[in-house]
């Protein structure tokens, strides 16, 4: 008798899982014409310079020219021709 209960419980579980899989919802995003719905991007020089993993690329937060200078310095450090000299 215990075997029948086990088979019945297994069948009931499979049936419940099978019916649960039939309940998929629609996953389509509704776009509004002319509206950006994502997170607005910030300017790269408005980020915190302490978050940079590269040594020597420090800039003043909000200062575009110091950020450009830090990027230029970092790029020169990655140039194999200038590093070999």
C-alpha atoms as a PDB file:
ATOM      1  CA  UNK A   1       0.000   0.000   0.000  1.00  0.00           C
ATOM      2  CA  UNK A   2       2.919   2.357   0.705  1.00  0.00           C
ATOM      3  CA  UNK A   3       4.187   1.913  -2.861  1.00  0.00           C
ATOM      4  CA  UNK A   4       0.893   3.081  -4.319  1.00  0.00           C
ATOM      5  CA  UNK A   5       0.898   6.212  -2.158  1.00  0.00           C
ATOM      6  CA  UNK A   6       4.442   6.988  -3.279  1.00  0.00           C
ATOM      7  CA  UNK A   7       3.509   6.591  -6.949  1.00  0.00           C
ATOM      8  CA  UNK A   8       0.362   8.692  -6.462  1.00  0.00           C
ATOM      9  CA  UNK A   9       2.345  11.452  -4.694  1.00  0.00           C
ATOM     10  CA  UNK A  10       4.987  11.423  -7.462  1.00  0.00           C
ATOM     11  CA  UNK A  11       2.327  11.624 -10.157  1.00  0.00           C
ATOM     12  CA  UNK A  12       0.579  14.477  -8.352  1.00  0.00           C
ATOM     13  CA  UNK A  13       3.890  16.342  -8.051  1.00  0.00           C
ATOM     14  CA  UNK A  14       4.694  15.915 -11.742  1.00  0.00           C
ATOM     15  CA  UNK A  15       1.186  17.054 -12.679  1.00  0.00           C
ATOM     16  CA  UNK A  16       1.491  20.161 -10.479  1.00  0.00           C
ATOM     17  CA  UNK A  17       4.888  21.046 -11.960  1.00  0.00           C
ATOM     18  CA  UNK A  18       3.592  20.435 -15.472  1.00  0.00           C
ATOM     19  CA  UNK A  19       0.623  22.750 -14.960  1.00  0.00           C
ATOM     20  CA  UNK A  20       2.824  25.374 -13.350  1.00  0.00           C
ATOM     21  CA  UNK A  21       4.988  25.495 -16.464  1.00  0.00           C
ATOM     22  CA  UNK A  22       1.956  26.400 -18.569  1.00  0.00           C
ATOM     23  CA  UNK A  23       1.501  29.716 -16.798  1.00  0.00           C
ATOM     24  CA  UNK A  24       4.177  31.720 -18.649  1.00  0.00           C
ATOM     25  CA  UNK A  25       3.466  35.421 -18.824  1.00  0.00           C
ATOM     26  CA  UNK A  26       4.079  37.767 -21.714  1.00  0.00           C
ATOM     27  CA  UNK A  27       7.627  39.194 -21.529  1.00  0.00           C
ATOM     28  CA  UNK A  28       7.397  41.966 -24.099  1.00  0.00           C
ATOM     29  CA  UNK A  29       8.484  45.471 -23.166  1.00  0.00           C
ATOM     30  CA  UNK A  30       6.163  48.243 -24.246  1.00  0.00           C
ATOM     31  CA  UNK A  31       8.194  51.114 -25.688  1.00  0.00           C
ATOM     32  CA  UNK A  32       6.888  54.660 -25.709  1.00  0.00           C
ATOM     33  CA  UNK A  33       7.893  56.554 -28.821  1.00  0.00           C
ATOM     34  CA  UNK A  34      10.396  59.281 -28.049  1.00  0.00           C
ATOM     35  CA  UNK A  35      10.784  58.352 -24.385  1.00  0.00           C
ATOM     36  CA  UNK A  36      13.966  56.865 -22.915  1.00  0.00           C
ATOM     37  CA  UNK A  37      12.927  54.547 -20.119  1.00  0.00           C
ATOM     38  CA  UNK A  38      16.362  53.538 -18.876  1.00  0.00           C
ATOM     39  CA  UNK A  39      18.701  55.021 -16.314  1.00  0.00           C
ATOM     40  CA  UNK A  40      20.252  58.307 -17.447  1.00  0.00           C
ATOM     41  CA  UNK A  41      24.002  58.156 -18.007  1.00  0.00           C
ATOM     42  CA  UNK A  42      26.400  60.444 -16.210  1.00  0.00           C
ATOM     43  CA  UNK A  43      29.462  62.023 -17.729  1.00  0.00           C
ATOM     44  CA  UNK A  44      32.644  60.012 -17.088  1.00  0.00           C
ATOM     45  CA  UNK A  45      34.380  62.942 -15.385  1.00  0.00           C
ATOM     46  CA  UNK A  46      31.507  63.228 -12.902  1.00  0.00           C
ATOM     47  CA  UNK A  47      32.426  59.860 -11.349  1.00  0.00           C
ATOM     48  CA  UNK A  48      34.509  59.463  -8.239  1.00  0.00           C
ATOM     49  CA  UNK A  49      38.230  59.140  -9.145  1.00  0.00           C
ATOM     50  CA  UNK A  50      38.798  56.776  -6.195  1.00  0.00           C
ATOM     51  CA  UNK A  51      36.822  54.098  -8.068  1.00  0.00           C
ATOM     52  CA  UNK A  52      39.485  53.911 -10.794  1.00  0.00           C
ATOM     53  CA  UNK A  53      41.580  50.696 -10.684  1.00  0.00           C
ATOM     54  CA  UNK A  54      44.378  52.303 -12.712  1.00  0.00           C
ATOM     55  CA  UNK A  55      47.257  53.904 -10.816  1.00  0.00           C
ATOM     56  CA  UNK A  56      48.067  57.446 -11.761  1.00  0.00           C
ATOM     57  CA  UNK A  57      44.698  58.207 -13.321  1.00  0.00           C
ATOM     58  CA  UNK A  58      43.464  60.701 -10.744  1.00  0.00           C
ATOM     59  CA  UNK A  59      41.223  63.579 -11.694  1.00  0.00           C
ATOM     60  CA  UNK A  60      39.039  66.129  -9.989  1.00  0.00           C
ATOM     61  CA  UNK A  61      35.412  65.139  -9.889  1.00  0.00           C
ATOM     62  CA  UNK A  62      33.438  67.271 -12.349  1.00  0.00           C
ATOM     63  CA  UNK A  63      36.549  68.638 -14.113  1.00  0.00           C
ATOM     64  CA  UNK A  64      36.514  67.485 -17.750  1.00  0.00           C
ATOM     65  CA  UNK A  65      40.033  68.701 -18.581  1.00  0.00           C
ATOM     66  CA  UNK A  66      41.648  66.857 -15.649  1.00  0.00           C
ATOM     67  CA  UNK A  67      39.743  63.695 -16.611  1.00  0.00           C
ATOM     68  CA  UNK A  68      40.979  63.981 -20.225  1.00  0.00           C
ATOM     69  CA  UNK A  69      44.529  64.461 -18.954  1.00  0.00           C
ATOM     70  CA  UNK A  70      44.247  61.346 -16.755  1.00  0.00           C
ATOM     71  CA  UNK A  71      42.940  59.301 -19.716  1.00  0.00           C
ATOM     72  CA  UNK A  72      45.777  60.574 -21.929  1.00  0.00           C
ATOM     73  CA  UNK A  73      48.349  59.649 -19.251  1.00  0.00           C
ATOM     74  CA  UNK A  74      46.840  56.189 -18.842  1.00  0.00           C
ATOM     75  CA  UNK A  75      46.880  55.633 -22.629  1.00  0.00           C
ATOM     76  CA  UNK A  76      50.539  56.603 -22.813  1.00  0.00           C
ATOM     77  CA  UNK A  77      51.297  54.011 -20.128  1.00  0.00           C
ATOM     78  CA  UNK A  78      49.634  51.342 -22.262  1.00  0.00           C
ATOM     79  CA  UNK A  79      51.565  52.243 -25.412  1.00  0.00           C
ATOM     80  CA  UNK A  80      54.313  49.643 -25.942  1.00  0.00           C
ATOM     81  CA  UNK A  81      56.407  51.975 -28.089  1.00  0.00           C
ATOM     82  CA  UNK A  82      56.711  54.626 -25.399  1.00  0.00           C
ATOM     83  CA  UNK A  83      57.231  52.032 -22.654  1.00  0.00           C
ATOM     84  CA  UNK A  84      60.117  50.367 -24.567  1.00  0.00           C
ATOM     85  CA  UNK A  85      62.111  53.586 -24.945  1.00  0.00           C
END
